PDB file of N, CA and C in Angstrom:
ATOM      1  N   MET A   1      62.826-117.778  70.701  1.00  0.00           N
ATOM      2  CA  MET A   1      62.730-118.308  69.561  1.00  0.00           C
ATOM      3  C   MET A   1      61.296-117.513  69.141  1.00  0.00           C
ATOM      4  N   PHE A   2      60.347-117.579  70.028  1.00  0.00           N
ATOM      5  CA  PHE A   2      59.087-117.020  69.527  1.00  0.00           C
ATOM      6  C   PHE A   2      59.308-115.457  68.911  1.00  0.00           C
ATOM      7  N   LEU A   3      60.132-114.711  69.624  1.00  0.00           N
ATOM      8  CA  LEU A   3      60.151-113.319  69.291  1.00  0.00           C
ATOM      9  C   LEU A   3      60.962-113.288  67.864  1.00  0.00           C
ATOM     10  N   THR A   4      61.760-114.308  67.748  1.00  0.00           N
ATOM     11  CA  THR A   4      62.281-114.224  66.235  1.00  0.00           C
ATOM     12  C   THR A   4      61.515-114.597  65.335  1.00  0.00           C
ATOM     13  N   ILE A   5      60.486-115.436  65.462  1.00  0.00           N
ATOM     14  CA  ILE A   5      59.559-115.677  64.370  1.00  0.00           C
ATOM     15  C   ILE A   5      58.512-114.563  64.393  1.00  0.00           C
ATOM     16  N   VAL A   6      58.202-113.790  65.450  1.00  0.00           N
ATOM     17  CA  VAL A   6      57.323-112.778  65.389  1.00  0.00           C
ATOM     18  C   VAL A   6      57.996-111.518  64.603  1.00  0.00           C
ATOM     19  N   PHE A   7      59.390-111.298  64.687  1.00  0.00           N
ATOM     20  CA  PHE A   7      60.296-110.440  63.976  1.00  0.00           C
ATOM     21  C   PHE A   7      60.018-110.600  62.775  1.00  0.00           C
ATOM     22  N   LEU A   8      60.580-111.979  62.298  1.00  0.00           N
ATOM     23  CA  LEU A   8      60.417-112.577  61.018  1.00  0.00           C
ATOM     24  C   LEU A   8      59.184-112.215  60.235  1.00  0.00           C
ATOM     25  N   PHE A   9      57.981-112.509  60.867  1.00  0.00           N
ATOM     26  CA  PHE A   9      56.765-112.365  60.160  1.00  0.00           C
ATOM     27  C   PHE A   9      56.481-110.878  59.949  1.00  0.00           C
ATOM     28  N   PHE A  10      56.603-109.968  60.906  1.00  0.00           N
ATOM     29  CA  PHE A  10      56.183-108.562  60.884  1.00  0.00           C
ATOM     30  C   PHE A  10      57.406-107.962  59.602  1.00  0.00           C
ATOM     31  N   GLY A  11      58.527-108.540  59.701  1.00  0.00           N
ATOM     32  CA  GLY A  11      59.592-108.078  58.890  1.00  0.00           C
ATOM     33  C   GLY A  11      59.476-108.178  57.437  1.00  0.00           C
ATOM     34  N   SER A  12      58.615-109.349  57.229  1.00  0.00           N
ATOM     35  CA  SER A  12      58.333-109.763  55.762  1.00  0.00           C
ATOM     36  C   SER A  12      57.177-108.853  55.142  1.00  0.00           C
ATOM     37  N   PHE A  13      56.603-108.108  55.916  1.00  0.00           N
ATOM     38  CA  PHE A  13      55.439-107.273  55.219  1.00  0.00           C
ATOM     39  C   PHE A  13      56.329-106.350  54.432  1.00  0.00           C
ATOM     40  N   PRO A  14      55.584-106.147  53.096  1.00  0.00           N
ATOM     41  CA  PRO A  14      55.799-104.996  52.460  1.00  0.00           C
ATOM     42  C   PRO A  14      55.512-103.736  52.789  1.00  0.00           C
ATOM     43  N   LEU A  15      56.058-102.520  52.690  1.00  0.00           N
ATOM     44  CA  LEU A  15      55.821-101.117  53.318  1.00  0.00           C
ATOM     45  C   LEU A  15      54.374-100.826  52.962  1.00  0.00           C
ATOM     46  N   SER A  16      53.806-101.197  51.882  1.00  0.00           N
ATOM     47  CA  SER A  16      52.456-100.705  51.522  1.00  0.00           C
ATOM     48  C   SER A  16      51.455-101.132  52.396  1.00  0.00           C
ATOM     49  N   PHE A  17      51.529-102.298  52.837  1.00  0.00           N
ATOM     50  CA  PHE A  17      50.452-103.118  53.671  1.00  0.00           C
ATOM     51  C   PHE A  17      49.151-103.118  52.917  1.00  0.00           C
ATOM     52  N   LEU A  18      49.316-103.370  51.693  1.00  0.00           N
ATOM     53  CA  LEU A  18      48.115-103.656  51.038  1.00  0.00           C
ATOM     54  C   LEU A  18      47.288-104.851  51.301  1.00  0.00           C
ATOM     55  N   PRO A  19      46.266-104.929  51.146  1.00  0.00           N
ATOM     56  CA  PRO A  19      45.345-106.093  51.462  1.00  0.00           C
ATOM     57  C   PRO A  19      45.725-107.248  50.516  1.00  0.00           C
ATOM     58  N   LEU A  20      45.895-108.520  51.099  1.00  0.00           N
ATOM     59  CA  LEU A  20      46.355-109.627  50.280  1.00  0.00           C
ATOM     60  C   LEU A  20      47.864-109.549  49.674  1.00  0.00           C
ATOM     61  N   SER A  21      48.543-108.706  50.334  1.00  0.00           N
ATOM     62  CA  SER A  21      50.067-108.639  50.019  1.00  0.00           C
ATOM     63  C   SER A  21      50.827-109.293  51.132  1.00  0.00           C
ATOM     64  N   PHE A  22      50.379-110.490  51.626  1.00  0.00           N
ATOM     65  CA  PHE A  22      51.141-111.188  52.530  1.00  0.00           C
ATOM     66  C   PHE A  22      52.042-112.067  51.950  1.00  0.00           C
ATOM     67  N   PRO A  23      53.336-111.843  52.100  1.00  0.00           N
ATOM     68  CA  PRO A  23      54.484-112.548  51.476  1.00  0.00           C
ATOM     69  C   PRO A  23      54.534-113.925  52.341  1.00  0.00           C
ATOM     70  N   LEU A  24      54.905-114.989  51.729  1.00  0.00           N
ATOM     71  CA  LEU A  24      55.372-116.311  52.639  1.00  0.00           C
ATOM     72  C   LEU A  24      56.844-116.097  53.015  1.00  0.00           C
ATOM     73  N   THR A  25      56.896-116.608  54.105  1.00  0.00           N
ATOM     74  CA  THR A  25      58.254-116.885  54.697  1.00  0.00           C
ATOM     75  C   THR A  25      58.571-118.254  55.235  1.00  0.00           C
ATOM     76  N   ALA A  26      59.396-118.985  54.829  1.00  0.00           N
ATOM     77  CA  ALA A  26      59.737-120.302  55.420  1.00  0.00           C
ATOM     78  C   ALA A  26      60.471-120.275  56.509  1.00  0.00           C
ATOM     79  N   VAL A  27      60.041-121.061  57.659  1.00  0.00           N
ATOM     80  CA  VAL A  27      60.789-121.258  58.629  1.00  0.00           C
ATOM     81  C   VAL A  27      61.128-122.658  59.017  1.00  0.00           C
ATOM     82  N   MET A  28      62.356-123.043  59.281  1.00  0.00           N
ATOM     83  CA  MET A  28      62.687-124.541  59.635  1.00  0.00           C
ATOM     84  C   MET A  28      63.133-124.610  60.984  1.00  0.00           C
ATOM     85  N   LEU A  29      62.734-125.506  61.622  1.00  0.00           N
ATOM     86  CA  LEU A  29      62.989-125.838  63.147  1.00  0.00           C
ATOM     87  C   LEU A  29      63.606-127.172  63.174  1.00  0.00           C
ATOM     88  N   ASP A  30      64.895-127.254  63.785  1.00  0.00           N
ATOM     89  CA  ASP A  30      65.575-128.486  63.888  1.00  0.00           C
ATOM     90  C   ASP A  30      65.140-129.003  65.340  1.00  0.00           C
ATOM     91  N   THR A  31      64.575-130.049  65.478  1.00  0.00           N
ATOM     92  CA  THR A  31      64.068-130.430  66.876  1.00  0.00           C
ATOM     93  C   THR A  31      65.144-131.527  67.411  1.00  0.00           C
ATOM     94  N   LYS A  32      65.352-131.759  68.644  1.00  0.00           N
ATOM     95  CA  LYS A  32      66.283-132.634  69.019  1.00  0.00           C
ATOM     96  C   LYS A  32      65.655-133.963  69.125  1.00  0.00           C
ATOM     97  N   GLY A  33      66.237-135.067  68.694  1.00  0.00           N
ATOM     98  CA  GLY A  33      65.549-136.332  68.955  1.00  0.00           C
ATOM     99  C   GLY A  33      66.344-136.968  69.992  1.00  0.00           C
ATOM    100  N   PRO A  34      66.147-138.222  70.152  1.00  0.00           N
ATOM    101  CA  PRO A  34      66.710-139.082  71.239  1.00  0.00           C
ATOM    102  C   PRO A  34      68.290-138.847  71.278  1.00  0.00           C
ATOM    103  N   GLU A  35      68.987-138.753  72.297  1.00  0.00           N
ATOM    104  CA  GLU A  35      70.342-138.596  72.407  1.00  0.00           C
ATOM    105  C   GLU A  35      71.020-140.121  72.646  1.00  0.00           C
ATOM    106  N   ILE A  36      71.536-140.518  71.388  1.00  0.00           N
ATOM    107  CA  ILE A  36      72.053-141.779  71.402  1.00  0.00           C
ATOM    108  C   ILE A  36      73.551-141.822  71.424  1.00  0.00           C
ATOM    109  N   ARG A  37      74.216-142.600  72.528  1.00  0.00           N
ATOM    110  CA  ARG A  37      75.514-142.597  72.685  1.00  0.00           C
ATOM    111  C   ARG A  37      76.077-143.952  72.944  1.00  0.00           C
ATOM    112  N   THR A  38      77.351-144.160  72.492  1.00  0.00           N
ATOM    113  CA  THR A  38      78.096-145.327  72.764  1.00  0.00           C
ATOM    114  C   THR A  38      78.391-145.287  74.260  1.00  0.00           C
ATOM    115  N   GLY A  39      78.638-146.481  74.950  1.00  0.00           N
ATOM    116  CA  GLY A  39      78.964-146.717  76.246  1.00  0.00           C
ATOM    117  C   GLY A  39      80.380-146.616  76.384  1.00  0.00           C
ATOM    118  N   PHE A  40      80.905-147.227  77.641  1.00  0.00           N
ATOM    119  CA  PHE A  40      82.200-147.231  78.074  1.00  0.00           C
ATOM    120  C   PHE A  40      82.930-148.400  77.637  1.00  0.00           C
ATOM    121  N   PHE A  41      84.276-148.328  77.764  1.00  0.00           N
ATOM    122  CA  PHE A  41      85.028-149.508  77.383  1.00  0.00           C
ATOM    123  C   PHE A  41      85.653-150.395  78.559  1.00  0.00           C
ATOM    124  N   ALA A  42      85.977-151.609  78.248  1.00  0.00           N
ATOM    125  CA  ALA A  42      86.548-152.363  79.191  1.00  0.00           C
ATOM    126  C   ALA A  42      88.092-152.077  79.458  1.00  0.00           C
ATOM    127  N   ASP A  43      88.484-152.536  80.480  1.00  0.00           N
ATOM    128  CA  ASP A  43      89.853-152.403  80.996  1.00  0.00           C
ATOM    129  C   ASP A  43      90.310-150.889  81.163  1.00  0.00           C
ATOM    130  N   GLY A  44      89.519-149.968  81.153  1.00  0.00           N
ATOM    131  CA  GLY A  44      89.928-148.578  81.393  1.00  0.00           C
ATOM    132  C   GLY A  44      90.351-148.030  80.056  1.00  0.00           C
ATOM    133  N   ALA A  45      90.265-148.524  79.039  1.00  0.00           N
ATOM    134  CA  ALA A  45      90.546-148.126  77.695  1.00  0.00           C
ATOM    135  C   ALA A  45      89.618-146.903  77.304  1.00  0.00           C
ATOM    136  N   LYS A  46      90.394-145.620  76.941  1.00  0.00           N
ATOM    137  CA  LYS A  46      89.727-144.504  76.643  1.00  0.00           C
ATOM    138  C   LYS A  46      89.590-144.442  75.152  1.00  0.00           C
ATOM    139  N   LYS A  47      90.050-145.379  74.265  1.00  0.00           N
ATOM    140  CA  LYS A  47      89.749-145.421  72.840  1.00  0.00           C
ATOM    141  C   LYS A  47      89.917-146.695  72.251  1.00  0.00           C
ATOM    142  N   ILE A  48      89.160-147.261  71.299  1.00  0.00           N
ATOM    143  CA  ILE A  48      89.142-148.302  70.590  1.00  0.00           C
ATOM    144  C   ILE A  48      89.373-148.001  69.050  1.00  0.00           C
ATOM    145  N   HIS A  49      89.952-149.108  68.471  1.00  0.00           N
ATOM    146  CA  HIS A  49      90.301-148.776  66.967  1.00  0.00           C
ATOM    147  C   HIS A  49      89.531-149.941  66.240  1.00  0.00           C
ATOM    148  N   VAL A  50      89.008-149.612  65.156  1.00  0.00           N
ATOM    149  CA  VAL A  50      88.261-150.737  64.367  1.00  0.00           C
ATOM    150  C   VAL A  50      88.843-150.443  62.826  1.00  0.00           C
ATOM    151  N   THR A  51      88.768-151.467  62.229  1.00  0.00           N
ATOM    152  CA  THR A  51      89.184-151.658  60.787  1.00  0.00           C
ATOM    153  C   THR A  51      88.196-152.000  59.822  1.00  0.00           C
ATOM    154  N   LYS A  52      88.206-151.246  58.799  1.00  0.00           N
ATOM    155  CA  LYS A  52      87.313-151.446  57.761  1.00  0.00           C
ATOM    156  C   LYS A  52      87.195-153.001  57.284  1.00  0.00           C
ATOM    157  N   GLY A  53      85.875-153.412  57.168  1.00  0.00           N
ATOM    158  CA  GLY A  53      85.583-154.735  56.815  1.00  0.00           C
ATOM    159  C   GLY A  53      85.193-155.576  58.108  1.00  0.00           C
ATOM    160  N   GLU A  54      85.728-155.179  59.160  1.00  0.00           N
ATOM    161  CA  GLU A  54      85.319-155.952  60.506  1.00  0.00           C
ATOM    162  C   GLU A  54      83.775-155.939  60.573  1.00  0.00           C
ATOM    163  N   THR A  55      83.465-156.996  61.619  1.00  0.00           N
ATOM    164  CA  THR A  55      82.167-156.926  61.997  1.00  0.00           C
ATOM    165  C   THR A  55      82.090-156.292  63.646  1.00  0.00           C
ATOM    166  N   LEU A  56      81.171-155.490  63.847  1.00  0.00           N
ATOM    167  CA  LEU A  56      81.088-154.703  65.142  1.00  0.00           C
ATOM    168  C   LEU A  56      79.657-154.903  65.400  1.00  0.00           C
ATOM    169  N   ILE A  57      79.493-155.450  66.830  1.00  0.00           N
ATOM    170  CA  ILE A  57      78.275-155.598  67.323  1.00  0.00           C
ATOM    171  C   ILE A  57      77.779-154.495  68.239  1.00  0.00           C
ATOM    172  N   LEU A  58      76.559-153.905  68.135  1.00  0.00           N
ATOM    173  CA  LEU A  58      76.029-152.843  69.022  1.00  0.00           C
ATOM    174  C   LEU A  58      74.899-153.614  69.931  1.00  0.00           C
ATOM    175  N   THR A  59      75.258-153.491  71.181  1.00  0.00           N
ATOM    176  CA  THR A  59      74.295-154.141  72.261  1.00  0.00           C
ATOM    177  C   THR A  59      73.526-152.955  72.799  1.00  0.00           C
ATOM    178  N   THR A  60      72.384-153.298  73.265  1.00  0.00           N
ATOM    179  CA  THR A  60      71.459-152.118  73.874  1.00  0.00           C
ATOM    180  C   THR A  60      71.742-152.441  75.384  1.00  0.00           C
ATOM    181  N   ASP A  61      72.502-153.374  75.802  1.00  0.00           N
ATOM    182  CA  ASP A  61      72.865-153.468  77.267  1.00  0.00           C
ATOM    183  C   ASP A  61      73.815-152.535  77.611  1.00  0.00           C
ATOM    184  N   TYR A  62      73.397-151.172  78.076  1.00  0.00           N
ATOM    185  CA  TYR A  62      74.215-150.182  78.350  1.00  0.00           C
ATOM    186  C   TYR A  62      75.363-150.329  79.430  1.00  0.00           C
ATOM    187  N   SER A  63      75.160-151.261  80.091  1.00  0.00           N
ATOM    188  CA  SER A  63      76.120-151.699  81.265  1.00  0.00           C
ATOM    189  C   SER A  63      77.388-152.452  80.785  1.00  0.00           C
ATOM    190  N   PHE A  64      77.253-153.009  79.523  1.00  0.00           N
ATOM    191  CA  PHE A  64      78.347-153.823  78.880  1.00  0.00           C
ATOM    192  C   PHE A  64      79.539-152.837  78.653  1.00  0.00           C
ATOM    193  N   LYS A  65      80.642-153.279  79.048  1.00  0.00           N
ATOM    194  CA  LYS A  65      82.025-152.477  78.961  1.00  0.00           C
ATOM    195  C   LYS A  65      82.534-153.104  77.528  1.00  0.00           C
ATOM    196  N   GLY A  66      82.640-152.207  76.686  1.00  0.00           N
ATOM    197  CA  GLY A  66      82.783-152.432  75.134  1.00  0.00           C
ATOM    198  C   GLY A  66      84.277-152.735  74.728  1.00  0.00           C
ATOM    199  N   ASN A  67      84.478-153.058  73.607  1.00  0.00           N
ATOM    200  CA  ASN A  67      85.826-153.348  73.040  1.00  0.00           C
ATOM    201  C   ASN A  67      85.749-153.091  71.565  1.00  0.00           C
ATOM    202  N   ASN A  68      86.724-153.617  70.723  1.00  0.00           N
ATOM    203  CA  ASN A  68      86.930-153.457  69.326  1.00  0.00           C
ATOM    204  C   ASN A  68      85.904-154.409  68.497  1.00  0.00           C
ATOM    205  N   GLN A  69      85.206-155.284  69.334  1.00  0.00           N
ATOM    206  CA  GLN A  69      84.409-156.190  68.487  1.00  0.00           C
ATOM    207  C   GLN A  69      82.844-156.017  68.976  1.00  0.00           C
ATOM    208  N   LYS A  70      82.408-155.336  70.184  1.00  0.00           N
ATOM    209  CA  LYS A  70      81.144-155.147  70.666  1.00  0.00           C
ATOM    210  C   LYS A  70      81.090-153.954  71.438  1.00  0.00           C
ATOM    211  N   LEU A  71      80.150-153.069  71.075  1.00  0.00           N
ATOM    212  CA  LEU A  71      80.045-151.663  71.840  1.00  0.00           C
ATOM    213  C   LEU A  71      78.586-151.470  72.404  1.00  0.00           C
ATOM    214  N   ALA A  72      78.503-151.002  73.531  1.00  0.00           N
ATOM    215  CA  ALA A  72      77.184-150.633  74.301  1.00  0.00           C
ATOM    216  C   ALA A  72      76.397-149.298  73.333  1.00  0.00           C
ATOM    217  N   CYS A  73      75.235-149.319  73.454  1.00  0.00           N
ATOM    218  CA  CYS A  73      74.635-148.243  72.961  1.00  0.00           C
ATOM    219  C   CYS A  73      73.417-147.953  73.862  1.00  0.00           C
ATOM    220  N   SER A  74      73.181-146.524  73.935  1.00  0.00           N
ATOM    221  CA  SER A  74      72.257-146.161  75.015  1.00  0.00           C
ATOM    222  C   SER A  74      70.738-146.064  74.542  1.00  0.00           C
ATOM    223  N   TYR A  75      70.540-146.449  73.322  1.00  0.00           N
ATOM    224  CA  TYR A  75      69.270-146.608  72.622  1.00  0.00           C
ATOM    225  C   TYR A  75      68.735-147.940  72.786  1.00  0.00           C
ATOM    226  N   GLY A  76      67.742-148.137  73.507  1.00  0.00           N
ATOM    227  CA  GLY A  76      67.066-149.542  73.837  1.00  0.00           C
ATOM    228  C   GLY A  76      66.311-149.897  72.752  1.00  0.00           C
ATOM    229  N   SER A  77      65.885-149.153  71.930  1.00  0.00           N
ATOM    230  CA  SER A  77      65.025-149.493  70.734  1.00  0.00           C
ATOM    231  C   SER A  77      65.882-149.713  69.649  1.00  0.00           C
ATOM    232  N   LEU A  78      67.105-149.618  69.637  1.00  0.00           N
ATOM    233  CA  LEU A  78      67.874-149.719  68.329  1.00  0.00           C
ATOM    234  C   LEU A  78      67.635-151.014  67.344  1.00  0.00           C
ATOM    235  N   CYS A  79      67.365-152.256  67.951  1.00  0.00           N
ATOM    236  CA  CYS A  79      67.194-153.367  67.256  1.00  0.00           C
ATOM    237  C   CYS A  79      65.786-153.057  66.447  1.00  0.00           C
ATOM    238  N   THR A  80      64.916-152.525  66.846  1.00  0.00           N
ATOM    239  CA  THR A  80      63.590-152.378  66.077  1.00  0.00           C
ATOM    240  C   THR A  80      63.621-151.082  65.345  1.00  0.00           C
ATOM    241  N   SER A  81      64.633-150.092  65.335  1.00  0.00           N
ATOM    242  CA  SER A  81      64.675-148.911  64.556  1.00  0.00           C
ATOM    243  C   SER A  81      65.693-149.109  63.446  1.00  0.00           C
ATOM    244  N   VAL A  82      66.272-150.124  63.043  1.00  0.00           N
ATOM    245  CA  VAL A  82      67.085-150.248  62.043  1.00  0.00           C
ATOM    246  C   VAL A  82      66.840-151.436  61.166  1.00  0.00           C
ATOM    247  N   VAL A  83      67.202-151.430  59.897  1.00  0.00           N
ATOM    248  CA  VAL A  83      66.900-152.496  58.999  1.00  0.00           C
ATOM    249  C   VAL A  83      68.351-152.881  58.130  1.00  0.00           C
ATOM    250  N   PRO A  84      68.612-154.011  57.891  1.00  0.00           N
ATOM    251  CA  PRO A  84      69.769-154.332  56.996  1.00  0.00           C
ATOM    252  C   PRO A  84      70.133-153.313  55.882  1.00  0.00           C
ATOM    253  N   GLY A  85      71.337-152.860  55.866  1.00  0.00           N
ATOM    254  CA  GLY A  85      71.597-151.912  54.870  1.00  0.00           C
ATOM    255  C   GLY A  85      71.758-150.526  55.178  1.00  0.00           C
ATOM    256  N   GLN A  86      71.080-150.235  56.389  1.00  0.00           N
ATOM    257  CA  GLN A  86      70.962-148.966  57.046  1.00  0.00           C
ATOM    258  C   GLN A  86      72.183-148.508  57.595  1.00  0.00           C
ATOM    259  N   GLN A  87      72.531-147.276  57.585  1.00  0.00           N
ATOM    260  CA  GLN A  87      74.061-146.776  57.995  1.00  0.00           C
ATOM    261  C   GLN A  87      73.844-146.281  59.472  1.00  0.00           C
ATOM    262  N   VAL A  88      74.743-146.406  60.365  1.00  0.00           N
ATOM    263  CA  VAL A  88      74.829-145.863  61.621  1.00  0.00           C
ATOM    264  C   VAL A  88      76.097-145.038  61.703  1.00  0.00           C
ATOM    265  N   LEU A  89      76.139-143.764  61.919  1.00  0.00           N
ATOM    266  CA  LEU A  89      77.072-142.939  62.140  1.00  0.00           C
ATOM    267  C   LEU A  89      77.683-142.822  63.446  1.00  0.00           C
ATOM    268  N   VAL A  90      78.856-142.853  63.907  1.00  0.00           N
ATOM    269  CA  VAL A  90      79.436-142.853  65.083  1.00  0.00           C
ATOM    270  C   VAL A  90      80.329-141.624  65.379  1.00  0.00           C
ATOM    271  N   ALA A  91      80.462-140.706  66.305  1.00  0.00           N
ATOM    272  CA  ALA A  91      81.231-139.942  66.469  1.00  0.00           C
ATOM    273  C   ALA A  91      81.308-138.888  65.439  1.00  0.00           C
ATOM    274  N   ASP A  92      80.060-138.111  65.000  1.00  0.00           N
ATOM    275  CA  ASP A  92      79.967-137.317  63.833  1.00  0.00           C
ATOM    276  C   ASP A  92      80.361-137.846  62.691  1.00  0.00           C
ATOM    277  N   GLY A  93      80.030-139.190  62.530  1.00  0.00           N
ATOM    278  CA  GLY A  93      80.406-139.863  61.192  1.00  0.00           C
ATOM    279  C   GLY A  93      81.847-140.087  60.944  1.00  0.00           C
ATOM    280  N   SER A  94      82.658-140.007  61.930  1.00  0.00           N
ATOM    281  CA  SER A  94      84.091-140.539  61.771  1.00  0.00           C
ATOM    282  C   SER A  94      84.163-142.038  61.868  1.00  0.00           C
ATOM    283  N   LEU A  95      83.072-142.808  62.165  1.00  0.00           N
ATOM    284  CA  LEU A  95      82.808-144.068  62.198  1.00  0.00           C
ATOM    285  C   LEU A  95      81.879-144.241  61.353  1.00  0.00           C
ATOM    286  N   VAL A  96      81.629-144.970  60.255  1.00  0.00           N
ATOM    287  CA  VAL A  96      80.447-145.605  59.560  1.00  0.00           C
ATOM    288  C   VAL A  96      80.231-146.870  59.559  1.00  0.00           C
ATOM    289  N   LEU A  97      79.030-147.362  60.021  1.00  0.00           N
ATOM    290  CA  LEU A  97      78.597-148.817  60.172  1.00  0.00           C
ATOM    291  C   LEU A  97      77.507-149.087  59.444  1.00  0.00           C
ATOM    292  N   THR A  98      77.457-150.170  58.691  1.00  0.00           N
ATOM    293  CA  THR A  98      76.385-150.684  57.803  1.00  0.00           C
ATOM    294  C   THR A  98      75.669-151.774  58.673  1.00  0.00           C
ATOM    295  N   VAL A  99      74.336-151.838  58.852  1.00  0.00           N
ATOM    296  CA  VAL A  99      73.425-152.742  59.530  1.00  0.00           C
ATOM    297  C   VAL A  99      73.621-154.022  58.685  1.00  0.00           C
ATOM    298  N   LEU A 100      73.949-155.114  59.380  1.00  0.00           N
ATOM    299  CA  LEU A 100      73.884-156.586  58.599  1.00  0.00           C
ATOM    300  C   LEU A 100      72.731-157.315  59.175  1.00  0.00           C
ATOM    301  N   SER A 101      72.347-157.135  60.473  1.00  0.00           N
ATOM    302  CA  SER A 101      71.330-157.946  61.049  1.00  0.00           C
ATOM    303  C   SER A 101      71.062-157.191  62.446  1.00  0.00           C
ATOM    304  N   ALA A 102      69.781-157.532  62.805  1.00  0.00           N
ATOM    305  CA  ALA A 102      69.406-157.211  64.074  1.00  0.00           C
ATOM    306  C   ALA A 102      68.601-158.440  64.934  1.00  0.00           C
ATOM    307  N   ASP A 103      69.196-158.503  66.109  1.00  0.00           N
ATOM    308  CA  ASP A 103      68.611-159.546  66.984  1.00  0.00           C
ATOM    309  C   ASP A 103      67.949-159.143  68.139  1.00  0.00           C
ATOM    310  N   GLN A 104      66.533-158.914  67.890  1.00  0.00           N
ATOM    311  CA  GLN A 104      65.699-158.331  69.039  1.00  0.00           C
ATOM    312  C   GLN A 104      65.832-159.075  70.318  1.00  0.00           C
ATOM    313  N   ALA A 105      65.706-160.475  70.243  1.00  0.00           N
ATOM    314  CA  ALA A 105      65.734-161.028  71.521  1.00  0.00           C
ATOM    315  C   ALA A 105      67.092-160.881  72.207  1.00  0.00           C
ATOM    316  N   ALA A 106      68.239-160.808  71.592  1.00  0.00           N
ATOM    317  CA  ALA A 106      69.312-160.702  72.274  1.00  0.00           C
ATOM    318  C   ALA A 106      69.800-159.129  72.471  1.00  0.00           C
ATOM    319  N   GLY A 107      68.994-158.308  71.931  1.00  0.00           N
ATOM    320  CA  GLY A 107      69.196-156.795  71.866  1.00  0.00           C
ATOM    321  C   GLY A 107      70.613-156.401  71.278  1.00  0.00           C
ATOM    322  N   GLU A 108      70.829-157.128  70.161  1.00  0.00           N
ATOM    323  CA  GLU A 108      71.999-156.801  69.610  1.00  0.00           C
ATOM    324  C   GLU A 108      71.915-156.476  68.021  1.00  0.00           C
ATOM    325  N   VAL A 109      72.732-155.674  67.437  1.00  0.00           N
ATOM    326  CA  VAL A 109      72.711-155.351  66.016  1.00  0.00           C
ATOM    327  C   VAL A 109      74.153-155.490  65.445  1.00  0.00           C
ATOM    328  N   SER A 110      74.342-156.414  64.417  1.00  0.00           N
ATOM    329  CA  SER A 110      75.432-156.646  63.893  1.00  0.00           C
ATOM    330  C   SER A 110      75.699-155.645  62.632  1.00  0.00           C
ATOM    331  N   CYS A 111      76.947-155.051  62.667  1.00  0.00           N
ATOM    332  CA  CYS A 111      77.197-154.217  61.639  1.00  0.00           C
ATOM    333  C   CYS A 111      78.763-154.279  61.065  1.00  0.00           C
ATOM    334  N   ARG A 112      78.718-153.948  59.676  1.00  0.00           N
ATOM    335  CA  ARG A 112      79.967-153.945  59.050  1.00  0.00           C
ATOM    336  C   ARG A 112      80.756-152.530  59.257  1.00  0.00           C
ATOM    337  N   VAL A 113      81.888-152.657  59.377  1.00  0.00           N
ATOM    338  CA  VAL A 113      82.745-151.397  59.751  1.00  0.00           C
ATOM    339  C   VAL A 113      83.155-150.907  58.356  1.00  0.00           C
ATOM    340  N   GLU A 114      82.756-149.619  57.872  1.00  0.00           N
ATOM    341  CA  GLU A 114      82.980-149.200  56.759  1.00  0.00           C
ATOM    342  C   GLU A 114      84.287-148.312  56.456  1.00  0.00           C
ATOM    343  N   ASN A 115      84.845-147.978  57.663  1.00  0.00           N
ATOM    344  CA  ASN A 115      86.083-147.187  57.509  1.00  0.00           C
ATOM    345  C   ASN A 115      87.158-147.648  58.741  1.00  0.00           C
ATOM    346  N   ASN A 116      88.187-147.423  58.593  1.00  0.00           N
ATOM    347  CA  ASN A 116      89.189-147.335  59.735  1.00  0.00           C
ATOM    348  C   ASN A 116      89.035-146.162  60.749  1.00  0.00           C
ATOM    349  N   ALA A 117      88.937-146.375  61.951  1.00  0.00           N
ATOM    350  CA  ALA A 117      88.553-145.270  62.763  1.00  0.00           C
ATOM    351  C   ALA A 117      88.935-145.674  64.308  1.00  0.00           C
ATOM    352  N   SER A 118      89.182-144.663  64.995  1.00  0.00           N
ATOM    353  CA  SER A 118      89.309-144.643  66.452  1.00  0.00           C
ATOM    354  C   SER A 118      88.237-143.945  66.999  1.00  0.00           C
ATOM    355  N   ILE A 119      87.758-144.411  68.156  1.00  0.00           N
ATOM    356  CA  ILE A 119      86.839-143.436  68.750  1.00  0.00           C
ATOM    357  C   ILE A 119      86.775-143.591  70.232  1.00  0.00           C
ATOM    358  N   GLY A 120      86.343-142.568  70.999  1.00  0.00           N
ATOM    359  CA  GLY A 120      86.332-142.671  72.477  1.00  0.00           C
ATOM    360  C   GLY A 120      85.047-143.118  73.104  1.00  0.00           C
ATOM    361  N   GLU A 121      85.012-142.954  74.280  1.00  0.00           N
ATOM    362  CA  GLU A 121      83.784-143.431  75.111  1.00  0.00           C
ATOM    363  C   GLU A 121      82.751-142.261  74.837  1.00  0.00           C
ATOM    364  N   ARG A 122      81.601-142.812  75.056  1.00  0.00           N
ATOM    365  CA  ARG A 122      80.358-141.888  75.034  1.00  0.00           C
ATOM    366  C   ARG A 122      80.239-140.835  73.783  1.00  0.00           C
ATOM    367  N   LYS A 123      80.388-141.570  72.683  1.00  0.00           N
ATOM    368  CA  LYS A 123      80.364-140.778  71.373  1.00  0.00           C
ATOM    369  C   LYS A 123      78.880-140.785  70.872  1.00  0.00           C
ATOM    370  N   ASN A 124      78.549-139.622  70.213  1.00  0.00           N
ATOM    371  CA  ASN A 124      77.284-139.642  69.679  1.00  0.00           C
ATOM    372  C   ASN A 124      76.974-140.573  68.570  1.00  0.00           C
ATOM    373  N   MET A 125      75.629-141.135  68.282  1.00  0.00           N
ATOM    374  CA  MET A 125      75.482-142.046  67.296  1.00  0.00           C
ATOM    375  C   MET A 125      74.230-141.456  66.564  1.00  0.00           C
ATOM    376  N   ASN A 126      74.133-141.636  65.161  1.00  0.00           N
ATOM    377  CA  ASN A 126      73.066-141.334  64.425  1.00  0.00           C
ATOM    378  C   ASN A 126      72.527-142.414  63.535  1.00  0.00           C
ATOM    379  N   VAL A 127      71.308-142.875  63.563  1.00  0.00           N
ATOM    380  CA  VAL A 127      70.834-143.843  62.681  1.00  0.00           C
ATOM    381  C   VAL A 127      70.129-142.976  61.422  1.00  0.00           C
ATOM    382  N   SER A 128      70.803-143.221  60.436  1.00  0.00           N
ATOM    383  CA  SER A 128      70.381-142.608  59.162  1.00  0.00           C
ATOM    384  C   SER A 128      69.541-143.437  58.342  1.00  0.00           C
TER     385      SER A 128
END
């Protein structure tokens, strides 16, 4: 990546190399945040189905085996990272949740399901 930035820098110079003729080139870098994932399901289930309007609990107890009412989340600080009204996207946004409340003592976040969806185990989660 360093060489790419160096080439980009030198490639942005005009051919005349006149003093004070340094063009500006914007560079954007996407750094990876914490990897947040859902947990495993109870009874060997490979998928769960949730329905729009239902309440889904996210627990920070990653050893919990989830179902269509409660899911484990690998992010231990989830309860302090969300506020009511905030959205949580699961499985690349195929499941959209809206935070209703967060109980720090229990390590649980109550969410409203915004769409019908089926998700598998260990799916990515994004807090927006």
